[in-house]
Structure formats: C-alpha cells, structure tokens
Amino acid sequence: MTIFKQLRDTDHQLLSHLENLELNTEEIHILVDTREQIIKTLIAACERNPRLKQSEEWRLAVQQTQHVTTKMHSKTEQLGLSLRKYRHGKKSLQQYQKFI
C-alpha cells in the first residue's frame, strides 16, 4: 500500500467519524495522530525526491488536507455553538429552579 493510499484511507475514516452525530473523540484523536505521522513521512519523502511535489498524488493530498481541515474546523465550530446553547439553557434552568 502506498503512503498516499494510507493517507486517503485515513482521511476517509476521519471524515466518516466527523459525519456521525455521536463523535468518538478517542478514535478521531487516533486517526489525527496517524494522519500526522503519514504527513511527516510524505514530507520526508519530498525532501529526498523534490519531484514528488509535482505529482498528481501530492496535489490531491494537499487538496484533501485542506478539505479535512475545513471539515474539522466546521465541526469544532458546530460543537462550540451547541456547547454555548447548552450552557445558556443550563443557566436558565438554574434561574427557574430558584423559584421552585
């Protein structure tokens, strides 16, 4: 299996986890760590063979990295908004409980 295929497979798994309603944060953390190691390996390969950066696979890997980063940022924003709503609701509930 090529390193690019490993990256694509890891990205596919990561994106699948990000789409789930119930996030498995441990699994996402493992996949992000795995992805980081794959990227480090790719960068080292590019240092040994600069022409690799000219390849279609490299271009696709960069695009996929941008996509994964955007998706993770979006999910983080979404979770942050949900947390703010939850905290607001909890504060409101505490206010109502004062009158009970």
PDB file of N, CA and C in Angstrom:
ATOM      1  N   MET A   1       0.851  -1.178   0.000  1.00  0.00           N
ATOM      2  CA  MET A   1       0.000   0.000   0.000  1.00  0.00           C
ATOM      3  C   MET A   1       0.897   1.241   0.000  1.00  0.00           C
ATOM      4  N   THR A   2       0.590   2.157  -0.897  1.00  0.00           N
ATOM      5  CA  THR A   2       1.397   3.369  -0.956  1.00  0.00           C
ATOM      6  C   THR A   2       1.027   4.302   0.191  1.00  0.00           C
ATOM      7  N   ILE A   3       1.932   5.199   0.470  1.00  0.00           N
ATOM      8  CA  ILE A   3       1.706   6.161   1.543  1.00  0.00           C
ATOM      9  C   ILE A   3       0.517   7.064   1.202  1.00  0.00           C
ATOM     10  N   PHE A   4       0.329   7.350  -0.090  1.00  0.00           N
ATOM     11  CA  PHE A   4      -0.809   8.171  -0.497  1.00  0.00           C
ATOM     12  C   PHE A   4      -2.125   7.430  -0.255  1.00  0.00           C
ATOM     13  N   LYS A   5      -2.127   6.133  -0.490  1.00  0.00           N
ATOM     14  CA  LYS A   5      -3.336   5.337  -0.237  1.00  0.00           C
ATOM     15  C   LYS A   5      -3.618   5.284   1.259  1.00  0.00           C
ATOM     16  N   GLN A   6      -2.579   5.161   2.067  1.00  0.00           N
ATOM     17  CA  GLN A   6      -2.765   5.180   3.525  1.00  0.00           C
ATOM     18  C   GLN A   6      -3.398   6.498   3.959  1.00  0.00           C
ATOM     19  N   LEU A   7      -2.927   7.588   3.361  1.00  0.00           N
ATOM     20  CA  LEU A   7      -3.470   8.904   3.690  1.00  0.00           C
ATOM     21  C   LEU A   7      -4.941   8.988   3.285  1.00  0.00           C
ATOM     22  N   ARG A   8      -5.263   8.535   2.074  1.00  0.00           N
ATOM     23  CA  ARG A   8      -6.660   8.568   1.616  1.00  0.00           C
ATOM     24  C   ARG A   8      -7.556   7.724   2.523  1.00  0.00           C
ATOM     25  N   ASP A   9      -7.087   6.543   2.888  1.00  0.00           N
ATOM     26  CA  ASP A   9      -7.876   5.666   3.760  1.00  0.00           C
ATOM     27  C   ASP A   9      -8.094   6.299   5.135  1.00  0.00           C
ATOM     28  N   THR A  10      -7.047   6.889   5.680  1.00  0.00           N
ATOM     29  CA  THR A  10      -7.152   7.555   6.980  1.00  0.00           C
ATOM     30  C   THR A  10      -8.113   8.733   6.899  1.00  0.00           C
ATOM     31  N   ASP A  11      -8.005   9.515   5.825  1.00  0.00           N
ATOM     32  CA  ASP A  11      -8.908  10.653   5.638  1.00  0.00           C
ATOM     33  C   ASP A  11     -10.358  10.191   5.532  1.00  0.00           C
ATOM     34  N   HIS A  12     -10.580   9.107   4.801  1.00  0.00           N
ATOM     35  CA  HIS A  12     -11.936   8.582   4.645  1.00  0.00           C
ATOM     36  C   HIS A  12     -12.521   8.199   6.006  1.00  0.00           C
ATOM     37  N   GLN A  13     -11.731   7.513   6.812  1.00  0.00           N
ATOM     38  CA  GLN A  13     -12.187   7.119   8.150  1.00  0.00           C
ATOM     39  C   GLN A  13     -12.445   8.348   9.026  1.00  0.00           C
ATOM     40  N   LEU A  14     -11.540   9.303   8.959  1.00  0.00           N
ATOM     41  CA  LEU A  14     -11.664  10.516   9.764  1.00  0.00           C
ATOM     42  C   LEU A  14     -12.926  11.290   9.389  1.00  0.00           C
ATOM     43  N   LEU A  15     -13.148  11.467   8.093  1.00  0.00           N
ATOM     44  CA  LEU A  15     -14.338  12.192   7.644  1.00  0.00           C
ATOM     45  C   LEU A  15     -15.614  11.446   8.021  1.00  0.00           C
ATOM     46  N   SER A  16     -15.574  10.136   7.967  1.00  0.00           N
ATOM     47  CA  SER A  16     -16.743   9.340   8.374  1.00  0.00           C
ATOM     48  C   SER A  16     -17.066   9.572   9.845  1.00  0.00           C
ATOM     49  N   HIS A  17     -16.044   9.602  10.677  1.00  0.00           N
ATOM     50  CA  HIS A  17     -16.262   9.851  12.108  1.00  0.00           C
ATOM     51  C   HIS A  17     -16.798  11.261  12.346  1.00  0.00           C
ATOM     52  N   LEU A  18     -16.340  12.221  11.566  1.00  0.00           N
ATOM     53  CA  LEU A  18     -16.806  13.598  11.742  1.00  0.00           C
ATOM     54  C   LEU A  18     -18.261  13.765  11.326  1.00  0.00           C
ATOM     55  N   GLU A  19     -18.756  12.899  10.456  1.00  0.00           N
ATOM     56  CA  GLU A  19     -20.139  12.972   9.997  1.00  0.00           C
ATOM     57  C   GLU A  19     -21.117  12.369  11.007  1.00  0.00           C
ATOM     58  N   ASN A  20     -20.633  11.513  11.897  1.00  0.00           N
ATOM     59  CA  ASN A  20     -21.505  10.865  12.876  1.00  0.00           C
ATOM     60  C   ASN A  20     -22.078  11.884  13.851  1.00  0.00           C
ATOM     61  N   LEU A  21     -23.309  11.637  14.281  1.00  0.00           N
ATOM     62  CA  LEU A  21     -23.923  12.504  15.282  1.00  0.00           C
ATOM     63  C   LEU A  21     -23.233  12.356  16.631  1.00  0.00           C
ATOM     64  N   GLU A  22     -22.880  11.135  16.980  1.00  0.00           N
ATOM     65  CA  GLU A  22     -22.149  10.865  18.218  1.00  0.00           C
ATOM     66  C   GLU A  22     -20.668  10.736  17.880  1.00  0.00           C
ATOM     67  N   LEU A  23     -19.888  11.696  18.298  1.00  0.00           N
ATOM     68  CA  LEU A  23     -18.463  11.673  17.985  1.00  0.00           C
ATOM     69  C   LEU A  23     -17.720  10.708  18.902  1.00  0.00           C
ATOM     70  N   ASN A  24     -16.845   9.928  18.304  1.00  0.00           N
ATOM     71  CA  ASN A  24     -15.941   9.068  19.062  1.00  0.00           C
ATOM     72  C   ASN A  24     -14.603   9.807  19.104  1.00  0.00           C
ATOM     73  N   THR A  25     -14.430  10.631  20.130  1.00  0.00           N
ATOM     74  CA  THR A  25     -13.258  11.504  20.182  1.00  0.00           C
ATOM     75  C   THR A  25     -11.953  10.729  20.281  1.00  0.00           C
ATOM     76  N   GLU A  26     -11.984   9.582  20.943  1.00  0.00           N
ATOM     77  CA  GLU A  26     -10.757   8.784  21.039  1.00  0.00           C
ATOM     78  C   GLU A  26     -10.323   8.294  19.662  1.00  0.00           C
ATOM     79  N   GLU A  27     -11.283   7.808  18.887  1.00  0.00           N
ATOM     80  CA  GLU A  27     -10.973   7.307  17.547  1.00  0.00           C
ATOM     81  C   GLU A  27     -10.506   8.452  16.644  1.00  0.00           C
ATOM     82  N   ILE A  28     -11.144   9.604  16.754  1.00  0.00           N
ATOM     83  CA  ILE A  28     -10.736  10.765  15.956  1.00  0.00           C
ATOM     84  C   ILE A  28      -9.310  11.167  16.326  1.00  0.00           C
ATOM     85  N   HIS A  29      -9.003  11.174  17.600  1.00  0.00           N
ATOM     86  CA  HIS A  29      -7.656  11.524  18.062  1.00  0.00           C
ATOM     87  C   HIS A  29      -6.624  10.558  17.481  1.00  0.00           C
ATOM     88  N   ILE A  30      -6.929   9.269  17.503  1.00  0.00           N
ATOM     89  CA  ILE A  30      -6.017   8.263  16.947  1.00  0.00           C
ATOM     90  C   ILE A  30      -5.814   8.494  15.453  1.00  0.00           C
ATOM     91  N   LEU A  31      -6.904   8.773  14.737  1.00  0.00           N
ATOM     92  CA  LEU A  31      -6.807   8.999  13.292  1.00  0.00           C
ATOM     93  C   LEU A  31      -6.017  10.264  12.971  1.00  0.00           C
ATOM     94  N   VAL A  32      -6.211  11.313  13.760  1.00  0.00           N
ATOM     95  CA  VAL A  32      -5.451  12.552  13.543  1.00  0.00           C
ATOM     96  C   VAL A  32      -3.963  12.302  13.786  1.00  0.00           C
ATOM     97  N   ASP A  33      -3.635  11.549  14.824  1.00  0.00           N
ATOM     98  CA  ASP A  33      -2.231  11.206  15.086  1.00  0.00           C
ATOM     99  C   ASP A  33      -1.646  10.364  13.956  1.00  0.00           C
ATOM    100  N   THR A  34      -2.424   9.399  13.478  1.00  0.00           N
ATOM    101  CA  THR A  34      -1.981   8.562  12.356  1.00  0.00           C
ATOM    102  C   THR A  34      -1.743   9.420  11.125  1.00  0.00           C
ATOM    103  N   ARG A  35      -2.672  10.339  10.879  1.00  0.00           N
ATOM    104  CA  ARG A  35      -2.549  11.223   9.718  1.00  0.00           C
ATOM    105  C   ARG A  35      -1.294  12.085   9.825  1.00  0.00           C
ATOM    106  N   GLU A  36      -1.018  12.574  11.010  1.00  0.00           N
ATOM    107  CA  GLU A  36       0.179  13.390  11.222  1.00  0.00           C
ATOM    108  C   GLU A  36       1.442  12.601  10.887  1.00  0.00           C
ATOM    109  N   GLN A  37       1.504  11.357  11.308  1.00  0.00           N
ATOM    110  CA  GLN A  37       2.671  10.518  11.010  1.00  0.00           C
ATOM    111  C   GLN A  37       2.804  10.271   9.506  1.00  0.00           C
ATOM    112  N   ILE A  38       1.687  10.049   8.837  1.00  0.00           N
ATOM    113  CA  ILE A  38       1.719   9.842   7.382  1.00  0.00           C
ATOM    114  C   ILE A  38       2.221  11.104   6.689  1.00  0.00           C
ATOM    115  N   ILE A  39       1.734  12.255   7.114  1.00  0.00           N
ATOM    116  CA  ILE A  39       2.161  13.531   6.519  1.00  0.00           C
ATOM    117  C   ILE A  39       3.659  13.744   6.742  1.00  0.00           C
ATOM    118  N   LYS A  40       4.149  13.439   7.935  1.00  0.00           N
ATOM    119  CA  LYS A  40       5.590  13.575   8.201  1.00  0.00           C
ATOM    120  C   LYS A  40       6.396  12.670   7.280  1.00  0.00           C
ATOM    121  N   THR A  41       5.901  11.463   7.049  1.00  0.00           N
ATOM    122  CA  THR A  41       6.572  10.537   6.138  1.00  0.00           C
ATOM    123  C   THR A  41       6.567  11.089   4.715  1.00  0.00           C
ATOM    124  N   LEU A  42       5.442  11.664   4.300  1.00  0.00           N
ATOM    125  CA  LEU A  42       5.352  12.255   2.957  1.00  0.00           C
ATOM    126  C   LEU A  42       6.300  13.440   2.800  1.00  0.00           C
ATOM    127  N   ILE A  43       6.372  14.273   3.811  1.00  0.00           N
ATOM    128  CA  ILE A  43       7.269  15.433   3.746  1.00  0.00           C
ATOM    129  C   ILE A  43       8.718  14.972   3.649  1.00  0.00           C
ATOM    130  N   ALA A  44       9.077  13.957   4.419  1.00  0.00           N
ATOM    131  CA  ALA A  44      10.441  13.416   4.351  1.00  0.00           C
ATOM    132  C   ALA A  44      10.715  12.847   2.958  1.00  0.00           C
ATOM    133  N   ALA A  45       9.729  12.185   2.370  1.00  0.00           N
ATOM    134  CA  ALA A  45       9.889  11.640   1.017  1.00  0.00           C
ATOM    135  C   ALA A  45      10.074  12.764   0.003  1.00  0.00           C
ATOM    136  N   CYS A  46       9.374  13.871   0.204  1.00  0.00           N
ATOM    137  CA  CYS A  46       9.512  15.025  -0.696  1.00  0.00           C
ATOM    138  C   CYS A  46      10.890  15.669  -0.570  1.00  0.00           C
ATOM    139  N   GLU A  47      11.448  15.632   0.619  1.00  0.00           N
ATOM    140  CA  GLU A  47      12.791  16.184   0.802  1.00  0.00           C
ATOM    141  C   GLU A  47      13.828  15.328   0.080  1.00  0.00           C
ATOM    142  N   ARG A  48      13.587  14.016   0.044  1.00  0.00           N
ATOM    143  CA  ARG A  48      14.502  13.121  -0.672  1.00  0.00           C
ATOM    144  C   ARG A  48      14.278  13.182  -2.184  1.00  0.00           C
ATOM    145  N   ASN A  49      13.044  13.432  -2.583  1.00  0.00           N
ATOM    146  CA  ASN A  49      12.693  13.459  -4.003  1.00  0.00           C
ATOM    147  C   ASN A  49      11.795  14.670  -4.270  1.00  0.00           C
ATOM    148  N   PRO A  50      12.397  15.837  -4.535  1.00  0.00           N
ATOM    149  CA  PRO A  50      11.618  17.063  -4.726  1.00  0.00           C
ATOM    150  C   PRO A  50      10.591  16.976  -5.860  1.00  0.00           C
ATOM    151  N   ARG A  51      10.810  16.087  -6.823  1.00  0.00           N
ATOM    152  CA  ARG A  51       9.847  15.962  -7.929  1.00  0.00           C
ATOM    153  C   ARG A  51       8.507  15.397  -7.461  1.00  0.00           C
ATOM    154  N   LEU A  52       8.505  14.780  -6.303  1.00  0.00           N
ATOM    155  CA  LEU A  52       7.264  14.228  -5.760  1.00  0.00           C
ATOM    156  C   LEU A  52       6.213  15.325  -5.568  1.00  0.00           C
ATOM    157  N   LYS A  53       6.677  16.535  -5.234  1.00  0.00           N
ATOM    158  CA  LYS A  53       5.749  17.654  -5.041  1.00  0.00           C
ATOM    159  C   LYS A  53       5.062  18.076  -6.339  1.00  0.00           C
ATOM    160  N   GLN A  54       5.593  17.632  -7.458  1.00  0.00           N
ATOM    161  CA  GLN A  54       4.996  17.961  -8.755  1.00  0.00           C
ATOM    162  C   GLN A  54       3.951  16.931  -9.178  1.00  0.00           C
ATOM    163  N   SER A  55       3.827  15.846  -8.423  1.00  0.00           N
ATOM    164  CA  SER A  55       2.947  14.746  -8.833  1.00  0.00           C
ATOM    165  C   SER A  55       1.475  15.060  -8.564  1.00  0.00           C
ATOM    166  N   GLU A  56       0.634  14.372  -9.302  1.00  0.00           N
ATOM    167  CA  GLU A  56      -0.811  14.496  -9.129  1.00  0.00           C
ATOM    168  C   GLU A  56      -1.231  13.991  -7.743  1.00  0.00           C
ATOM    169  N   GLU A  57      -0.597  12.925  -7.277  1.00  0.00           N
ATOM    170  CA  GLU A  57      -0.930  12.388  -5.953  1.00  0.00           C
ATOM    171  C   GLU A  57      -0.661  13.414  -4.855  1.00  0.00           C
ATOM    172  N   TRP A  58       0.445  14.137  -4.987  1.00  0.00           N
ATOM    173  CA  TRP A  58       0.770  15.171  -3.998  1.00  0.00           C
ATOM    174  C   TRP A  58      -0.278  16.276  -4.031  1.00  0.00           C
ATOM    175  N   ARG A  59      -0.640  16.703  -5.244  1.00  0.00           N
ATOM    176  CA  ARG A  59      -1.643  17.762  -5.389  1.00  0.00           C
ATOM    177  C   ARG A  59      -2.969  17.330  -4.749  1.00  0.00           C
ATOM    178  N   LEU A  60      -3.360  16.087  -4.985  1.00  0.00           N
ATOM    179  CA  LEU A  60      -4.593  15.573  -4.399  1.00  0.00           C
ATOM    180  C   LEU A  60      -4.487  15.472  -2.874  1.00  0.00           C
ATOM    181  N   ALA A  61      -3.315  15.111  -2.382  1.00  0.00           N
ATOM    182  CA  ALA A  61      -3.106  15.027  -0.932  1.00  0.00           C
ATOM    183  C   ALA A  61      -3.241  16.408  -0.285  1.00  0.00           C
ATOM    184  N   VAL A  62      -2.722  17.424  -0.957  1.00  0.00           N
ATOM    185  CA  VAL A  62      -2.838  18.794  -0.436  1.00  0.00           C
ATOM    186  C   VAL A  62      -4.306  19.221  -0.423  1.00  0.00           C
ATOM    187  N   GLN A  63      -5.025  18.937  -1.510  1.00  0.00           N
ATOM    188  CA  GLN A  63      -6.447  19.284  -1.570  1.00  0.00           C
ATOM    189  C   GLN A  63      -7.234  18.562  -0.477  1.00  0.00           C
ATOM    190  N   GLN A  64      -6.937  17.283  -0.294  1.00  0.00           N
ATOM    191  CA  GLN A  64      -7.646  16.505   0.723  1.00  0.00           C
ATOM    192  C   GLN A  64      -7.332  17.035   2.120  1.00  0.00           C
ATOM    193  N   THR A  65      -6.095  17.455   2.339  1.00  0.00           N
ATOM    194  CA  THR A  65      -5.720  18.033   3.631  1.00  0.00           C
ATOM    195  C   THR A  65      -6.526  19.299   3.892  1.00  0.00           C
ATOM    196  N   GLN A  66      -6.677  20.123   2.866  1.00  0.00           N
ATOM    197  CA  GLN A  66      -7.486  21.333   3.010  1.00  0.00           C
ATOM    198  C   GLN A  66      -8.938  20.983   3.329  1.00  0.00           C
ATOM    199  N   HIS A  67      -9.458  19.954   2.660  1.00  0.00           N
ATOM    200  CA  HIS A  67     -10.841  19.530   2.892  1.00  0.00           C
ATOM    201  C   HIS A  67     -11.026  19.014   4.323  1.00  0.00           C
ATOM    202  N   VAL A  68     -10.115  18.171   4.770  1.00  0.00           N
ATOM    203  CA  VAL A  68     -10.199  17.611   6.127  1.00  0.00           C
ATOM    204  C   VAL A  68     -10.093  18.732   7.158  1.00  0.00           C
ATOM    205  N   THR A  69      -9.179  19.658   6.940  1.00  0.00           N
ATOM    206  CA  THR A  69      -9.000  20.780   7.863  1.00  0.00           C
ATOM    207  C   THR A  69     -10.271  21.626   7.943  1.00  0.00           C
ATOM    208  N   THR A  70     -10.866  21.904   6.793  1.00  0.00           N
ATOM    209  CA  THR A  70     -12.107  22.683   6.752  1.00  0.00           C
ATOM    210  C   THR A  70     -13.223  21.956   7.485  1.00  0.00           C
ATOM    211  N   LYS A  71     -13.345  20.655   7.247  1.00  0.00           N
ATOM    212  CA  LYS A  71     -14.395  19.857   7.889  1.00  0.00           C
ATOM    213  C   LYS A  71     -14.195  19.824   9.408  1.00  0.00           C
ATOM    214  N   MET A  72     -12.953  19.661   9.856  1.00  0.00           N
ATOM    215  CA  MET A  72     -12.682  19.631  11.295  1.00  0.00           C
ATOM    216  C   MET A  72     -12.978  20.989  11.932  1.00  0.00           C
ATOM    217  N   HIS A  73     -12.629  22.064  11.239  1.00  0.00           N
ATOM    218  CA  HIS A  73     -12.909  23.405  11.750  1.00  0.00           C
ATOM    219  C   HIS A  73     -14.421  23.621  11.853  1.00  0.00           C
ATOM    220  N   SER A  74     -15.140  23.214  10.828  1.00  0.00           N
ATOM    221  CA  SER A  74     -16.592  23.354  10.813  1.00  0.00           C
ATOM    222  C   SER A  74     -17.231  22.571  11.959  1.00  0.00           C
ATOM    223  N   LYS A  75     -16.770  21.346  12.166  1.00  0.00           N
ATOM    224  CA  LYS A  75     -17.319  20.514  13.242  1.00  0.00           C
ATOM    225  C   LYS A  75     -17.003  21.128  14.601  1.00  0.00           C
ATOM    226  N   THR A  76     -15.815  21.687  14.757  1.00  0.00           N
ATOM    227  CA  THR A  76     -15.436  22.340  16.010  1.00  0.00           C
ATOM    228  C   THR A  76     -16.342  23.539  16.279  1.00  0.00           C
ATOM    229  N   GLU A  77     -16.603  24.331  15.234  1.00  0.00           N
ATOM    230  CA  GLU A  77     -17.499  25.485  15.373  1.00  0.00           C
ATOM    231  C   GLU A  77     -18.905  25.034  15.758  1.00  0.00           C
ATOM    232  N   GLN A  78     -19.370  23.981  15.110  1.00  0.00           N
ATOM    233  CA  GLN A  78     -20.698  23.440  15.386  1.00  0.00           C
ATOM    234  C   GLN A  78     -20.797  22.963  16.839  1.00  0.00           C
ATOM    235  N   LEU A  79     -19.786  22.259  17.301  1.00  0.00           N
ATOM    236  CA  LEU A  79     -19.785  21.780  18.684  1.00  0.00           C
ATOM    237  C   LEU A  79     -19.710  22.937  19.677  1.00  0.00           C
ATOM    238  N   GLY A  80     -18.942  23.969  19.324  1.00  0.00           N
ATOM    239  CA  GLY A  80     -18.848  25.147  20.185  1.00  0.00           C
ATOM    240  C   GLY A  80     -20.194  25.841  20.330  1.00  0.00           C
ATOM    241  N   LEU A  81     -20.933  25.950  19.225  1.00  0.00           N
ATOM    242  CA  LEU A  81     -22.258  26.566  19.260  1.00  0.00           C
ATOM    243  C   LEU A  81     -23.208  25.730  20.116  1.00  0.00           C
ATOM    244  N   SER A  82     -23.157  24.424  19.954  1.00  0.00           N
ATOM    245  CA  SER A  82     -24.005  23.536  20.767  1.00  0.00           C
ATOM    246  C   SER A  82     -23.676  23.683  22.249  1.00  0.00           C
ATOM    247  N   LEU A  83     -22.403  23.794  22.565  1.00  0.00           N
ATOM    248  CA  LEU A  83     -21.989  23.951  23.958  1.00  0.00           C
ATOM    249  C   LEU A  83     -22.506  25.273  24.529  1.00  0.00           C
ATOM    250  N   ARG A  84     -22.420  26.344  23.742  1.00  0.00           N
ATOM    251  CA  ARG A  84     -22.925  27.639  24.209  1.00  0.00           C
ATOM    252  C   ARG A  84     -24.432  27.564  24.474  1.00  0.00           C
ATOM    253  N   LYS A  85     -25.178  26.904  23.578  1.00  0.00           N
ATOM    254  CA  LYS A  85     -26.625  26.753  23.770  1.00  0.00           C
ATOM    255  C   LYS A  85     -26.913  25.933  25.022  1.00  0.00           C
ATOM    256  N   TYR A  86     -26.153  24.883  25.223  1.00  0.00           N
ATOM    257  CA  TYR A  86     -26.332  24.033  26.401  1.00  0.00           C
ATOM    258  C   TYR A  86     -26.085  24.837  27.676  1.00  0.00           C
ATOM    259  N   ARG A  87     -25.006  25.598  27.686  1.00  0.00           N
ATOM    260  CA  ARG A  87     -24.680  26.391  28.882  1.00  0.00           C
ATOM    261  C   ARG A  87     -25.756  27.439  29.159  1.00  0.00           C
ATOM    262  N   HIS A  88     -26.262  28.071  28.097  1.00  0.00           N
ATOM    263  CA  HIS A  88     -27.315  29.068  28.263  1.00  0.00           C
ATOM    264  C   HIS A  88     -28.567  28.402  28.840  1.00  0.00           C
ATOM    265  N   GLY A  89     -28.917  27.244  28.302  1.00  0.00           N
ATOM    266  CA  GLY A  89     -30.079  26.507  28.801  1.00  0.00           C
ATOM    267  C   GLY A  89     -29.908  26.091  30.250  1.00  0.00           C
ATOM    268  N   LYS A  90     -28.714  25.693  30.597  1.00  0.00           N
ATOM    269  CA  LYS A  90     -28.439  25.271  31.975  1.00  0.00           C
ATOM    270  C   LYS A  90     -28.573  26.456  32.931  1.00  0.00           C
ATOM    271  N   LYS A  91     -28.080  27.625  32.515  1.00  0.00           N
ATOM    272  CA  LYS A  91     -28.202  28.817  33.359  1.00  0.00           C
ATOM    273  C   LYS A  91     -29.668  29.201  33.527  1.00  0.00           C
ATOM    274  N   SER A  92     -30.437  29.111  32.436  1.00  0.00           N
ATOM    275  CA  SER A  92     -31.865  29.423  32.514  1.00  0.00           C
ATOM    276  C   SER A  92     -32.572  28.470  33.463  1.00  0.00           C
ATOM    277  N   LEU A  93     -32.242  27.203  33.385  1.00  0.00           N
ATOM    278  CA  LEU A  93     -32.843  26.202  34.264  1.00  0.00           C
ATOM    279  C   LEU A  93     -32.508  26.505  35.718  1.00  0.00           C
ATOM    280  N   GLN A  94     -31.284  26.914  35.984  1.00  0.00           N
ATOM    281  CA  GLN A  94     -30.895  27.252  37.356  1.00  0.00           C
ATOM    282  C   GLN A  94     -31.702  28.446  37.866  1.00  0.00           C
ATOM    283  N   GLN A  95     -31.963  29.413  36.982  1.00  0.00           N
ATOM    284  CA  GLN A  95     -32.763  30.572  37.369  1.00  0.00           C
ATOM    285  C   GLN A  95     -34.191  30.148  37.712  1.00  0.00           C
ATOM    286  N   TYR A  96     -34.773  29.275  36.896  1.00  0.00           N
ATOM    287  CA  TYR A  96     -36.130  28.799  37.149  1.00  0.00           C
ATOM    288  C   TYR A  96     -36.200  27.990  38.435  1.00  0.00           C
ATOM    289  N   GLN A  97     -35.169  27.220  38.720  1.00  0.00           N
ATOM    290  CA  GLN A  97     -35.169  26.380  39.915  1.00  0.00           C
ATOM    291  C   GLN A  97     -35.137  27.218  41.194  1.00  0.00           C
ATOM    292  N   LYS A  98     -34.683  28.447  41.107  1.00  0.00           N
ATOM    293  CA  LYS A  98     -34.669  29.323  42.279  1.00  0.00           C
ATOM    294  C   LYS A  98     -36.090  29.620  42.754  1.00  0.00           C
ATOM    295  N   PHE A  99     -37.039  29.596  41.822  1.00  0.00           N
ATOM    296  CA  PHE A  99     -38.419  29.930  42.161  1.00  0.00           C
ATOM    297  C   PHE A  99     -39.228  28.720  42.607  1.00  0.00           C
ATOM    298  N   ILE A 100     -38.654  27.548  42.488  1.00  0.00           N
ATOM    299  CA  ILE A 100     -39.392  26.325  42.848  1.00  0.00           C
ATOM    300  C   ILE A 100     -39.199  26.012  44.309  1.00  0.00           C
TER     301      ILE A 100
END
